[in-house]
Structure formats: structure tokens, C-alpha cells
C-alpha atoms as a PDB file:
ATOM      1  CA  MET A   1     -14.322 101.868 -38.669  1.00  0.00           C
ATOM      2  CA  LEU A   2     -11.067 100.159 -37.847  1.00  0.00           C
ATOM      3  CA  ARG A   3      -8.224 102.132 -36.709  1.00  0.00           C
ATOM      4  CA  PRO A   4      -5.425 102.490 -39.248  1.00  0.00           C
ATOM      5  CA  HIS A   5      -2.834 100.752 -37.085  1.00  0.00           C
ATOM      6  CA  LEU A   6      -5.166  97.775 -36.486  1.00  0.00           C
ATOM      7  CA  ARG A   7      -6.172  97.184 -40.137  1.00  0.00           C
ATOM      8  CA  PRO A   8      -4.427  94.047 -41.494  1.00  0.00           C
ATOM      9  CA  ASN A   9      -2.576  94.477 -44.699  1.00  0.00           C
ATOM     10  CA  PHE A  10      -2.030  91.876 -47.442  1.00  0.00           C
ATOM     11  CA  ARG A  11       1.633  91.302 -46.665  1.00  0.00           C
ATOM     12  CA  SER A  12       1.036  90.423 -43.021  1.00  0.00           C
ATOM     13  CA  LEU A  13      -1.712  87.984 -43.945  1.00  0.00           C
ATOM     14  CA  ALA A  14       0.472  86.255 -46.520  1.00  0.00           C
ATOM     15  CA  ASN A  15       3.399  85.934 -44.137  1.00  0.00           C
ATOM     16  CA  ASN A  16       1.254  84.472 -41.388  1.00  0.00           C
ATOM     17  CA  THR A  17      -0.349  81.933 -43.750  1.00  0.00           C
ATOM     18  CA  PHE A  18       2.965  80.761 -45.194  1.00  0.00           C
ATOM     19  CA  THR A  19       4.541  80.436 -41.756  1.00  0.00           C
ATOM     20  CA  HIS A  20       1.577  78.369 -40.456  1.00  0.00           C
ATOM     21  CA  THR A  21       1.571  76.080 -43.446  1.00  0.00           C
ATOM     22  CA  ARG A  22       5.291  75.432 -43.268  1.00  0.00           C
ATOM     23  CA  SER A  23       5.052  74.526 -39.602  1.00  0.00           C
ATOM     24  CA  ILE A  24       2.347  71.959 -40.344  1.00  0.00           C
ATOM     25  CA  THR A  25       4.025  70.181 -43.269  1.00  0.00           C
ATOM     26  CA  ARG A  26       7.385  69.997 -41.641  1.00  0.00           C
ATOM     27  CA  LEU A  27       8.114  66.485 -40.371  1.00  0.00           C
ATOM     28  CA  PRO A  28      10.717  65.668 -37.792  1.00  0.00           C
ATOM     29  CA  LEU A  29      13.372  63.271 -39.111  1.00  0.00           C
ATOM     30  CA  LYS A  30      14.292  60.737 -36.487  1.00  0.00           C
ATOM     31  CA  ARG A  31      16.479  57.650 -36.703  1.00  0.00           C
ATOM     32  CA  ASN A  32      13.591  55.181 -36.597  1.00  0.00           C
ATOM     33  CA  ALA A  33      11.070  57.262 -38.461  1.00  0.00           C
ATOM     34  CA  LEU A  34      11.402  55.350 -41.777  1.00  0.00           C
ATOM     35  CA  THR A  35      12.142  51.892 -40.403  1.00  0.00           C
ATOM     36  CA  GLY A  36       9.363  49.265 -41.067  1.00  0.00           C
ATOM     37  CA  ARG A  37       8.615  45.750 -39.823  1.00  0.00           C
ATOM     38  CA  ILE A  38      11.329  43.302 -40.783  1.00  0.00           C
ATOM     39  CA  ARG A  39       9.883  40.197 -42.524  1.00  0.00           C
ATOM     40  CA  THR A  40      11.571  36.814 -42.682  1.00  0.00           C
ATOM     41  CA  ILE A  41      11.493  35.207 -46.131  1.00  0.00           C
ATOM     42  CA  TYR A  42      12.309  31.509 -46.503  1.00  0.00           C
ATOM     43  CA  THR A  43      13.587  30.284 -49.805  1.00  0.00           C
ATOM     44  CA  TYR A  44      12.999  26.724 -51.096  1.00  0.00           C
ATOM     45  CA  PRO A  45      14.293  25.059 -54.205  1.00  0.00           C
ATOM     46  CA  SER A  46      11.812  24.745 -57.072  1.00  0.00           C
ATOM     47  CA  ARG A  47       9.713  21.564 -57.187  1.00  0.00           C
ATOM     48  CA  PRO A  48      11.066  18.828 -59.447  1.00  0.00           C
ATOM     49  CA  ALA A  49       8.856  17.564 -62.263  1.00  0.00           C
ATOM     50  CA  SER A  50       8.585  13.947 -61.021  1.00  0.00           C
ATOM     51  CA  LEU A  51       5.351  12.427 -59.737  1.00  0.00           C
ATOM     52  CA  GLY A  52       6.763  11.878 -56.268  1.00  0.00           C
ATOM     53  CA  ALA A  53       7.747  15.533 -56.052  1.00  0.00           C
ATOM     54  CA  ARG A  54       4.217  16.575 -57.017  1.00  0.00           C
ATOM     55  CA  ILE A  55       2.885  14.460 -54.172  1.00  0.00           C
ATOM     56  CA  TRP A  56       5.290  15.651 -51.477  1.00  0.00           C
ATOM     57  CA  PHE A  57       5.716  19.319 -52.495  1.00  0.00           C
ATOM     58  CA  ARG A  58       3.460  22.197 -53.511  1.00  0.00           C
ATOM     59  CA  PRO A  59       3.959  24.065 -56.817  1.00  0.00           C
ATOM     60  CA  ASP A  60       6.002  26.749 -55.029  1.00  0.00           C
ATOM     61  CA  GLY A  61       8.363  24.130 -53.587  1.00  0.00           C
ATOM     62  CA  THR A  62       7.098  24.170 -49.992  1.00  0.00           C
ATOM     63  CA  PRO A  63       6.497  20.742 -48.425  1.00  0.00           C
ATOM     64  CA  ARG A  64       2.923  19.558 -48.118  1.00  0.00           C
ATOM     65  CA  SER A  65       1.260  18.715 -44.817  1.00  0.00           C
ATOM     66  CA  LYS A  66       1.775  15.053 -43.944  1.00  0.00           C
ATOM     67  CA  LEU A  67      -1.354  14.928 -41.786  1.00  0.00           C
ATOM     68  CA  LYS A  68      -3.508  16.157 -44.639  1.00  0.00           C
ATOM     69  CA  GLY A  69      -1.852  13.648 -46.930  1.00  0.00           C
ATOM     70  CA  ILE A  70      -2.605  10.789 -44.553  1.00  0.00           C
ATOM     71  CA  ALA A  71      -6.226  11.916 -44.243  1.00  0.00           C
ATOM     72  CA  ILE A  72      -6.677  12.192 -48.011  1.00  0.00           C
ATOM     73  CA  ALA A  73      -5.004   8.813 -48.611  1.00  0.00           C
ATOM     74  CA  THR A  74      -7.250   7.201 -45.988  1.00  0.00           C
ATOM     75  CA  LEU A  75     -10.396   8.608 -47.566  1.00  0.00           C
ATOM     76  CA  PHE A  76      -9.272   7.567 -51.035  1.00  0.00           C
ATOM     77  CA  GLY A  77      -8.448   4.034 -49.864  1.00  0.00           C
ATOM     78  CA  ALA A  78     -11.805   3.710 -48.113  1.00  0.00           C
ATOM     79  CA  ALA A  79     -13.639   4.868 -51.238  1.00  0.00           C
ATOM     80  CA  LEU A  80     -11.655   2.438 -53.399  1.00  0.00           C
ATOM     81  CA  TYR A  81     -12.334  -0.489 -51.057  1.00  0.00           C
ATOM     82  CA  SER A  82     -16.031   0.374 -50.899  1.00  0.00           C
ATOM     83  CA  THR A  83     -16.234   0.473 -54.694  1.00  0.00           C
ATOM     84  CA  TRP A  84     -14.432  -2.861 -54.986  1.00  0.00           C
ATOM     85  CA  THR A  85     -16.713  -4.612 -52.481  1.00  0.00           C
ATOM     86  CA  THR A  86     -19.773  -3.153 -54.208  1.00  0.00           C
ATOM     87  CA  LEU A  87     -18.639  -4.535 -57.563  1.00  0.00           C
ATOM     88  CA  LEU A  88     -18.073  -7.968 -56.006  1.00  0.00           C
ATOM     89  CA  LEU A  89     -21.535  -7.853 -54.466  1.00  0.00           C
ATOM     90  CA  LEU A  90     -23.119  -6.923 -57.784  1.00  0.00           C
ATOM     91  CA  GLU A  91     -21.244  -9.754 -59.490  1.00  0.00           C
ATOM     92  CA  ASP A  92     -22.464 -12.256 -56.894  1.00  0.00           C
ATOM     93  CA  LEU A  93     -26.026 -10.995 -57.218  1.00  0.00           C
ATOM     94  CA  ALA A  94     -25.906 -11.293 -61.011  1.00  0.00           C
ATOM     95  CA  TYR A  95     -24.511 -14.837 -60.699  1.00  0.00           C
ATOM     96  CA  GLU A  96     -27.193 -15.879 -58.223  1.00  0.00           C
ATOM     97  CA  ASN A  97     -29.895 -14.255 -60.336  1.00  0.00           C
ATOM     98  CA  ALA A  98     -28.767 -16.273 -63.367  1.00  0.00           C
ATOM     99  CA  LEU A  99     -28.827 -19.500 -61.337  1.00  0.00           C
ATOM    100  CA  MET A 100     -32.286 -18.745 -59.983  1.00  0.00           C
ATOM    101  CA  ALA A 101     -33.628 -18.050 -63.468  1.00  0.00           C
ATOM    102  CA  ALA A 102     -32.173 -21.360 -64.660  1.00  0.00           C
ATOM    103  CA  LEU A 103     -33.668 -23.187 -61.673  1.00  0.00           C
ATOM    104  CA  ILE A 104     -37.143 -21.800 -62.367  1.00  0.00           C
ATOM    105  CA  HIS A 105     -36.967 -22.944 -65.988  1.00  0.00           C
ATOM    106  CA  ILE A 106     -35.707 -26.423 -65.060  1.00  0.00           C
ATOM    107  CA  GLN A 107     -38.379 -26.848 -62.376  1.00  0.00           C
ATOM    108  CA  ARG A 108     -41.084 -25.953 -64.872  1.00  0.00           C
ATOM    109  CA  VAL A 109     -39.789 -28.505 -67.392  1.00  0.00           C
ATOM    110  CA  ASP A 110     -39.424 -31.196 -64.715  1.00  0.00           C
ATOM    111  CA  TYR A 111     -42.943 -30.601 -63.442  1.00  0.00           C
ATOM    112  CA  GLU A 112     -44.324 -31.220 -66.926  1.00  0.00           C
ATOM    113  CA  LEU A 113     -42.760 -34.702 -66.876  1.00  0.00           C
ATOM    114  CA  PHE A 114     -43.425 -35.447 -63.184  1.00  0.00           C
ATOM    115  CA  PRO A 115     -46.587 -33.501 -62.245  1.00  0.00           C
ATOM    116  CA  GLY A 116     -46.636 -34.804 -58.673  1.00  0.00           C
ATOM    117  CA  GLY A 117     -43.176 -33.508 -57.908  1.00  0.00           C
ATOM    118  CA  ARG A 118     -42.414 -36.525 -55.693  1.00  0.00           C
ATOM    119  CA  ALA A 119     -39.166 -38.478 -55.741  1.00  0.00           C
ATOM    120  CA  HIS A 120     -39.147 -41.674 -57.802  1.00  0.00           C
ATOM    121  CA  ASP A 121     -37.030 -44.760 -57.291  1.00  0.00           C
ATOM    122  CA  PHE A 122     -36.237 -45.458 -60.924  1.00  0.00           C
ATOM    123  CA  SER A 123     -34.314 -48.636 -60.117  1.00  0.00           C
ATOM    124  CA  THR A 124     -37.277 -50.522 -58.604  1.00  0.00           C
ATOM    125  CA  GLU A 125     -40.433 -48.554 -59.386  1.00  0.00           C
ATOM    126  CA  LEU A 126     -42.729 -49.875 -62.124  1.00  0.00           C
ATOM    127  CA  ASN A 127     -45.758 -48.546 -63.928  1.00  0.00           C
ATOM    128  CA  ALA A 128     -49.250 -49.948 -63.563  1.00  0.00           C
ATOM    129  CA  ASP A 129     -48.726 -52.045 -66.693  1.00  0.00           C
ATOM    130  CA  GLY A 130     -45.522 -53.536 -65.250  1.00  0.00           C
ATOM    131  CA  SER A 131     -43.124 -51.560 -67.431  1.00  0.00           C
ATOM    132  CA  ASP A 132     -40.160 -49.681 -66.009  1.00  0.00           C
ATOM    133  CA  ASP A 133     -40.843 -46.584 -68.107  1.00  0.00           C
ATOM    134  CA  VAL A 134     -41.636 -44.510 -65.024  1.00  0.00           C
ATOM    135  CA  ASP A 135     -40.263 -41.298 -66.470  1.00  0.00           C
ATOM    136  CA  GLY A 136     -41.815 -41.737 -69.919  1.00  0.00           C
ATOM    137  CA  LEU A 137     -38.409 -41.463 -71.582  1.00  0.00           C
ATOM    138  CA  ALA A 138     -38.133 -44.980 -72.983  1.00  0.00           C
ATOM    139  CA  ASP A 139     -38.414 -43.515 -76.478  1.00  0.00           C
ATOM    140  CA  PRO A 140     -34.947 -42.119 -77.391  1.00  0.00           C
ATOM    141  CA  ARG A 141     -36.422 -39.270 -79.413  1.00  0.00           C
ATOM    142  CA  VAL A 142     -38.648 -38.178 -76.518  1.00  0.00           C
ATOM    143  CA  ALA A 143     -35.695 -38.405 -74.130  1.00  0.00           C
ATOM    144  CA  VAL A 144     -33.496 -36.214 -76.349  1.00  0.00           C
ATOM    145  CA  GLU A 145     -36.239 -33.626 -76.822  1.00  0.00           C
ATOM    146  CA  TYR A 146     -36.852 -33.510 -73.070  1.00  0.00           C
ATOM    147  CA  PHE A 147     -33.135 -33.105 -72.382  1.00  0.00           C
ATOM    148  CA  ALA A 148     -33.002 -30.318 -74.968  1.00  0.00           C
ATOM    149  CA  SER A 149     -35.818 -28.505 -73.173  1.00  0.00           C
ATOM    150  CA  LEU A 150     -33.844 -28.733 -69.925  1.00  0.00           C
ATOM    151  CA  CYS A 151     -30.862 -27.096 -71.616  1.00  0.00           C
ATOM    152  CA  GLU A 152     -32.838 -24.218 -73.127  1.00  0.00           C
ATOM    153  CA  TYR A 153     -31.871 -21.918 -70.262  1.00  0.00           C
ATOM    154  CA  MET A 154     -28.389 -21.622 -71.796  1.00  0.00           C
ATOM    155  CA  GLN A 155     -29.743 -19.633 -74.733  1.00  0.00           C
ATOM    156  CA  VAL A 156     -30.636 -16.789 -72.387  1.00  0.00           C
ATOM    157  CA  GLU A 157     -28.182 -17.085 -69.518  1.00  0.00           C
ATOM    158  CA  GLU A 158     -25.060 -18.147 -71.423  1.00  0.00           C
ATOM    159  CA  GLY A 159     -25.537 -16.025 -74.528  1.00  0.00           C
ATOM    160  CA  LEU A 160     -25.611 -18.896 -77.036  1.00  0.00           C
ATOM    161  CA  PRO A 161     -26.968 -18.217 -80.529  1.00  0.00           C
ATOM    162  CA  GLN A 162     -30.687 -18.845 -80.712  1.00  0.00           C
ATOM    163  CA  ASP A 163     -30.402 -21.637 -83.252  1.00  0.00           C
ATOM    164  CA  ALA A 164     -27.246 -23.241 -81.819  1.00  0.00           C
ATOM    165  CA  LEU A 165     -29.015 -25.654 -79.477  1.00  0.00           C
ATOM    166  CA  GLU A 166     -31.794 -26.322 -81.975  1.00  0.00           C
ATOM    167  CA  THR A 167     -29.332 -27.270 -84.707  1.00  0.00           C
ATOM    168  CA  PHE A 168     -27.318 -29.426 -82.356  1.00  0.00           C
ATOM    169  CA  PHE A 169     -30.249 -31.358 -80.898  1.00  0.00           C
ATOM    170  CA  ASP A 170     -31.892 -31.764 -84.314  1.00  0.00           C
ATOM    171  CA  ASN A 171     -28.780 -33.658 -85.350  1.00  0.00           C
ATOM    172  CA  VAL A 172     -28.869 -35.675 -82.122  1.00  0.00           C
ATOM    173  CA  VAL A 173     -32.478 -36.638 -82.844  1.00  0.00           C
ATOM    174  CA  SER A 174     -31.472 -37.666 -86.373  1.00  0.00           C
ATOM    175  CA  VAL A 175     -29.008 -40.144 -84.854  1.00  0.00           C
ATOM    176  CA  VAL A 176     -31.470 -41.832 -82.470  1.00  0.00           C
ATOM    177  CA  LYS A 177     -34.835 -41.633 -84.245  1.00  0.00           C
ATOM    178  CA  ASP A 178     -34.093 -44.305 -86.853  1.00  0.00           C
ATOM    179  CA  ALA A 179     -32.148 -46.607 -84.528  1.00  0.00           C
ATOM    180  CA  ASN A 180     -33.302 -50.202 -84.358  1.00  0.00           C
ATOM    181  CA  ALA A 181     -33.709 -52.264 -81.217  1.00  0.00           C
ATOM    182  CA  ALA A 182     -30.175 -53.639 -81.422  1.00  0.00           C
ATOM    183  CA  GLN A 183     -28.698 -50.161 -81.597  1.00  0.00           C
ATOM    184  CA  LEU A 184     -30.609 -49.143 -78.486  1.00  0.00           C
ATOM    185  CA  GLN A 185     -29.424 -52.051 -76.359  1.00  0.00           C
ATOM    186  CA  TYR A 186     -27.149 -50.852 -73.587  1.00  0.00           C
ATOM    187  CA  ASP A 187     -24.893 -53.222 -71.670  1.00  0.00           C
ATOM    188  CA  PRO A 188     -23.400 -51.553 -68.560  1.00  0.00           C
ATOM    189  CA  ALA A 189     -20.623 -54.143 -68.460  1.00  0.00           C
ATOM    190  CA  ALA A 190     -19.526 -53.429 -72.028  1.00  0.00           C
ATOM    191  CA  SER A 191     -16.880 -50.869 -72.881  1.00  0.00           C
ATOM    192  CA  ALA A 192     -17.888 -47.522 -74.352  1.00  0.00           C
ATOM    193  CA  GLU A 193     -16.549 -48.479 -77.785  1.00  0.00           C
ATOM    194  CA  ASP A 194     -18.787 -51.565 -77.918  1.00  0.00           C
ATOM    195  CA  VAL A 195     -22.014 -49.702 -77.086  1.00  0.00           C
ATOM    196  CA  PRO A 196     -23.899 -48.352 -80.131  1.00  0.00           C
ATOM    197  CA  LEU A 197     -23.980 -44.559 -80.401  1.00  0.00           C
ATOM    198  CA  PRO A 198     -27.804 -44.246 -80.188  1.00  0.00           C
ATOM    199  CA  ALA A 199     -27.831 -46.318 -77.015  1.00  0.00           C
ATOM    200  CA  ARG A 200     -25.085 -44.225 -75.449  1.00  0.00           C
ATOM    201  CA  ILE A 201     -26.929 -41.004 -76.239  1.00  0.00           C
ATOM    202  CA  HIS A 202     -30.201 -42.384 -74.901  1.00  0.00           C
ATOM    203  CA  VAL A 203     -28.620 -43.518 -71.643  1.00  0.00           C
ATOM    204  CA  LEU A 204     -26.834 -40.194 -71.158  1.00  0.00           C
ATOM    205  CA  VAL A 205     -29.875 -37.969 -71.607  1.00  0.00           C
ATOM    206  CA  ARG A 206     -32.227 -40.254 -69.685  1.00  0.00           C
ATOM    207  CA  THR A 207     -29.829 -40.614 -66.755  1.00  0.00           C
ATOM    208  CA  ALA A 208     -29.319 -36.847 -66.649  1.00  0.00           C
ATOM    209  CA  ALA A 209     -33.083 -36.229 -66.642  1.00  0.00           C
ATOM    210  CA  ARG A 210     -33.552 -38.660 -63.759  1.00  0.00           C
ATOM    211  CA  ALA A 211     -30.666 -37.108 -61.816  1.00  0.00           C
ATOM    212  CA  VAL A 212     -32.176 -33.643 -62.217  1.00  0.00           C
ATOM    213  CA  HIS A 213     -35.516 -34.902 -60.913  1.00  0.00           C
ATOM    214  CA  LYS A 214     -33.848 -36.545 -57.898  1.00  0.00           C
ATOM    215  CA  ILE A 215     -32.026 -33.327 -57.012  1.00  0.00           C
ATOM    216  CA  LEU A 216     -35.214 -31.278 -57.262  1.00  0.00           C
ATOM    217  CA  ALA A 217     -37.179 -33.789 -55.170  1.00  0.00           C
ATOM    218  CA  LYS A 218     -34.552 -34.115 -52.423  1.00  0.00           C
ATOM    219  CA  GLY A 219     -33.356 -30.531 -52.381  1.00  0.00           C
ATOM    220  CA  ARG A 220     -36.471 -28.699 -51.268  1.00  0.00           C
ATOM    221  CA  THR A 221     -34.823 -27.725 -47.980  1.00  0.00           C
ATOM    222  CA  HIS A 222     -31.500 -26.741 -49.545  1.00  0.00           C
ATOM    223  CA  ASP A 223     -30.253 -23.361 -50.647  1.00  0.00           C
ATOM    224  CA  PRO A 224     -31.795 -22.636 -54.081  1.00  0.00           C
ATOM    225  CA  VAL A 225     -28.490 -21.300 -55.399  1.00  0.00           C
ATOM    226  CA  GLU A 226     -26.663 -24.499 -54.440  1.00  0.00           C
ATOM    227  CA  LEU A 227     -29.540 -26.526 -55.854  1.00  0.00           C
ATOM    228  CA  ALA A 228     -29.323 -24.727 -59.202  1.00  0.00           C
ATOM    229  CA  ALA A 229     -25.537 -25.112 -59.312  1.00  0.00           C
ATOM    230  CA  ALA A 230     -25.804 -28.871 -58.701  1.00  0.00           C
ATOM    231  CA  ILE A 231     -28.393 -29.264 -61.480  1.00  0.00           C
ATOM    232  CA  ILE A 232     -26.361 -27.242 -63.962  1.00  0.00           C
ATOM    233  CA  ILE A 233     -23.313 -29.398 -63.234  1.00  0.00           C
ATOM    234  CA  VAL A 234     -25.422 -32.471 -64.068  1.00  0.00           C
ATOM    235  CA  LEU A 235     -26.609 -30.970 -67.348  1.00  0.00           C
ATOM    236  CA  ASP A 236     -23.110 -29.739 -68.120  1.00  0.00           C
ATOM    237  CA  THR A 237     -21.611 -33.196 -67.609  1.00  0.00           C
ATOM    238  CA  ALA A 238     -24.270 -34.898 -69.715  1.00  0.00           C
ATOM    239  CA  LEU A 239     -24.123 -32.331 -72.513  1.00  0.00           C
ATOM    240  CA  LEU A 240     -20.344 -32.591 -72.801  1.00  0.00           C
ATOM    241  CA  ALA A 241     -20.694 -36.367 -73.021  1.00  0.00           C
ATOM    242  CA  VAL A 242     -23.343 -36.045 -75.752  1.00  0.00           C
ATOM    243  CA  LEU A 243     -21.039 -33.672 -77.636  1.00  0.00           C
ATOM    244  CA  ALA A 244     -18.274 -36.271 -77.535  1.00  0.00           C
ATOM    245  CA  VAL A 245     -20.635 -38.968 -78.822  1.00  0.00           C
ATOM    246  CA  MET A 246     -21.815 -36.717 -81.657  1.00  0.00           C
ATOM    247  CA  GLU A 247     -18.222 -36.172 -82.735  1.00  0.00           C
ATOM    248  CA  GLU A 248     -17.874 -39.931 -83.067  1.00  0.00           C
ATOM    249  CA  ALA A 249     -21.212 -40.144 -84.874  1.00  0.00           C
ATOM    250  CA  ARG A 250     -20.074 -37.566 -87.420  1.00  0.00           C
ATOM    251  CA  GLU A 251     -17.225 -39.861 -88.397  1.00  0.00           C
ATOM    252  CA  GLU A 252     -19.373 -42.991 -88.654  1.00  0.00           C
ATOM    253  CA  MET A 253     -22.477 -41.672 -90.426  1.00  0.00           C
ATOM    254  CA  HIS A 254     -23.521 -38.752 -92.572  1.00  0.00           C
ATOM    255  CA  ILE A 255     -25.321 -36.062 -90.584  1.00  0.00           C
ATOM    256  CA  GLU A 256     -27.343 -33.374 -92.301  1.00  0.00           C
ATOM    257  CA  GLY A 257     -26.019 -29.903 -91.579  1.00  0.00           C
ATOM    258  CA  GLU A 258     -22.603 -31.165 -90.521  1.00  0.00           C
ATOM    259  CA  GLU A 259     -20.922 -27.752 -90.624  1.00  0.00           C
ATOM    260  CA  ALA A 260     -23.711 -26.082 -88.671  1.00  0.00           C
ATOM    261  CA  GLU A 261     -23.636 -28.881 -86.104  1.00  0.00           C
ATOM    262  CA  ALA A 262     -19.878 -28.621 -85.769  1.00  0.00           C
ATOM    263  CA  GLU A 263     -20.082 -24.869 -85.229  1.00  0.00           C
ATOM    264  CA  ALA A 264     -22.858 -25.284 -82.681  1.00  0.00           C
ATOM    265  CA  GLY A 265     -20.857 -28.010 -80.965  1.00  0.00           C
ATOM    266  CA  ARG A 266     -17.803 -25.797 -80.659  1.00  0.00           C
ATOM    267  CA  ALA A 267     -19.863 -22.944 -79.234  1.00  0.00           C
ATOM    268  CA  LEU A 268     -21.538 -25.268 -76.755  1.00  0.00           C
ATOM    269  CA  ARG A 269     -18.229 -26.800 -75.715  1.00  0.00           C
ATOM    270  CA  GLU A 270     -16.639 -23.428 -75.007  1.00  0.00           C
ATOM    271  CA  LYS A 271     -19.663 -22.278 -73.056  1.00  0.00           C
ATOM    272  CA  MET A 272     -19.745 -25.496 -71.060  1.00  0.00           C
ATOM    273  CA  ARG A 273     -16.072 -25.225 -70.158  1.00  0.00           C
ATOM    274  CA  SER A 274     -16.510 -21.622 -69.046  1.00  0.00           C
ATOM    275  CA  LEU A 275     -19.630 -22.498 -67.079  1.00  0.00           C
ATOM    276  CA  ARG A 276     -17.972 -25.491 -65.414  1.00  0.00           C
ATOM    277  CA  GLU A 277     -14.941 -23.432 -64.351  1.00  0.00           C
ATOM    278  CA  GLN A 278     -17.213 -20.763 -62.923  1.00  0.00           C
ATOM    279  CA  LEU A 279     -19.342 -23.268 -61.024  1.00  0.00           C
ATOM    280  CA  GLU A 280     -16.302 -25.100 -59.649  1.00  0.00           C
ATOM    281  CA  THR A 281     -14.764 -21.828 -58.481  1.00  0.00           C
ATOM    282  CA  ARG A 282     -17.975 -20.783 -56.775  1.00  0.00           C
ATOM    283  CA  GLU A 283     -18.345 -24.200 -55.166  1.00  0.00           C
ATOM    284  CA  LYS A 284     -14.788 -24.054 -53.778  1.00  0.00           C
ATOM    285  CA  GLU A 285     -15.475 -20.611 -52.335  1.00  0.00           C
ATOM    286  CA  ARG A 286     -18.669 -21.860 -50.708  1.00  0.00           C
ATOM    287  CA  ASP A 287     -16.912 -24.949 -49.311  1.00  0.00           C
ATOM    288  CA  GLY A 288     -14.162 -22.744 -47.902  1.00  0.00           C
ATOM    289  CA  SER A 289     -16.664 -20.476 -46.180  1.00  0.00           C
ATOM    290  CA  ARG A 290     -18.487 -23.502 -44.759  1.00  0.00           C
ATOM    291  CA  ASP A 291     -15.222 -24.915 -43.377  1.00  0.00           C
ATOM    292  CA  GLU A 292     -14.439 -21.592 -41.710  1.00  0.00           C
ATOM    293  CA  GLU A 293     -17.883 -21.435 -40.126  1.00  0.00           C
ATOM    294  CA  LYS A 294     -17.582 -25.039 -38.983  1.00  0.00           C
ATOM    295  CA  GLY A 295     -14.181 -24.347 -37.431  1.00  0.00           C
ATOM    296  CA  LYS A 296     -15.620 -21.385 -35.547  1.00  0.00           C
ATOM    297  CA  GLY A 297     -18.566 -23.443 -34.340  1.00  0.00           C
ATOM    298  CA  LYS A 298     -21.117 -21.390 -36.266  1.00  0.00           C
ATOM    299  CA  GLY A 299     -22.207 -24.043 -38.733  1.00  0.00           C
ATOM    300  CA  THR A 300     -23.719 -27.477 -38.564  1.00  0.00           C
ATOM    301  CA  GLY A 301     -21.530 -29.032 -41.186  1.00  0.00           C
ATOM    302  CA  GLY A 302     -21.398 -29.096 -44.942  1.00  0.00           C
ATOM    303  CA  ALA A 303     -24.455 -29.392 -47.087  1.00  0.00           C
ATOM    304  CA  GLU A 304     -25.526 -32.698 -48.518  1.00  0.00           C
ATOM    305  CA  LYS A 305     -23.688 -33.607 -51.712  1.00  0.00           C
ATOM    306  CA  PHE A 306     -26.087 -34.273 -54.556  1.00  0.00           C
ATOM    307  CA  GLU A 307     -25.770 -37.274 -56.794  1.00  0.00           C
ATOM    308  CA  VAL A 308     -24.532 -36.161 -60.183  1.00  0.00           C
ATOM    309  CA  LEU A 309     -25.269 -38.983 -62.579  1.00  0.00           C
ATOM    310  CA  GLY A 310     -26.708 -42.392 -61.917  1.00  0.00           C
END
């Protein structure tokens, strides 16, 4: 039993609890009690809407880092240059691949006419029977058909219509197949106007076929790409000359399929001009690189120039 004077009453307990709680929740108010950290805020004008402003400033108007900009520009320039050089390399590879495909076709056709593959001196060499028909192209029709087979690579590599060359050379054959001996006589001293058209065509295609064989026989140690380019220039020159003769023949005699031949001739002419420009550009680039190597002492001189016609 607690003594009466020691027994706590409700009032004393309530007063003690209130006094204790008030002492805990009471906060001292000092001068620096509510002061926080002072922050510095920089204000920039809003970014203009121009492209230059987008490059030099962020969306909030703060200037961009110049070092990061230089690094990004360097990486972008390197990627652009790498892409450009890769495209040039692919273009060169496609060009060389087309020339190699043409060279393979022309070699196959030439080997059918000259199985031995040796060089022939067409100016002095004779057959066993004493004739000068060493190449077997004394017949104008055979010569035109052989020349047409040499030019077949253009149907694939130059994108000509499949029947364009066939139509054109069928009309060429129609000009020379019925020619008499007088029309096939060729006088080198005579002017071009005085030489009959069949004789001019025969000389053009036969000379081109012989020139192609000479290049193949002498160019075994040369770069195949340069070899193919030289042969295509020969065929290009001869084909353009045959086109010019056929335009004259159309005026002098009736040719079956005149409209088709004219259309094929125009397509061939445009392709030949484009091909010649491309080959000349490539040849100038190669000559320039050879001159640079020769000037630096890295080369042994320019490559041998092939005989074009004759």
C-alpha cells in the first residue's frame, strides 16, 4: 500500500507530461537558424532558331563545349572520308571487273581464229598456198561476222539491247555480201570518197581484228586492265568508223530494216562515246600516276603504247 501523500494524482501527471512535451518541441530561434545555402544562378538569353545557333548553343541557351564539337566534327569527317574512298574503290573494282570480263571474251574469240596464239606478221607472212589470207578474213562476210563476235561483250557490259548489235551487223553484212570484186578493191592512196563502201567496211573490220590479235600476242606481260582498255579502244575506233560508213550506205542504197538499223546505230554511237570518254579519263589518270612514280624514282617508265589500227 502506498502512502496517501506519495500516491500520484491525475492532475500532477498531466502537468508533468505537458511541461515535458512543451520543453521538447520548443525550438530556439536564432539569427542564422533559417538561413540556407545561397546558390548562384546564371541567366542566358534563349537560343535563336537558326542552324548556327543550334550548333553553338544548347536548347537552354548555354554554350556547347568546343572540345566536344571538335571531336565530333573530326569523327564525322573521318567517317565521311572513309565512305568516299570506299565508294571510289568499289567503282574502280567494278570498272576493272568489266574490263577483265571483256578481255576474257575477246581472248576466247581471238583464239578461235588464231589457235596457236602466236603473233603474226600480216604484212609479209603468207599461207602454205602462197596467199596472204593469214587471218582467214579475206571474205568480207566472214570478216564482219568475226568483228561482230568481238563486239558482243558490249551487250553485257555496256547495257545495249540484245538485238541492237545483231540488227546493226546484219545490215552491215547485207552491204558486203553481194559486193563484186571491183567494190572490194581498196586503194590506200585513194581518198575515202573514192573507195567503195564494201571495201572500206572490209578494211576497217579486218584491220581491227588484226590489231586486236597483235595486242593480245604482244601484251602477255602487261597489266590485263591496260591490255583490255587498249583492245576496247581499237574496237571502239573501228566500230565508230563502220557506223559512219553505214550512214553513207543508207543514203546510197536501200537497206532492209532501215529504221531498226538507225536506232541501233544511235544507241551504239552513244555507248561508244560514253565508253571512249571513260577509257580516256582512266588512261589519263593512269598516265598521271605513272609520271608521279617516275618522278619519285619508284617506276621504270611508262608502259608500252599499243598500236591502235594498222
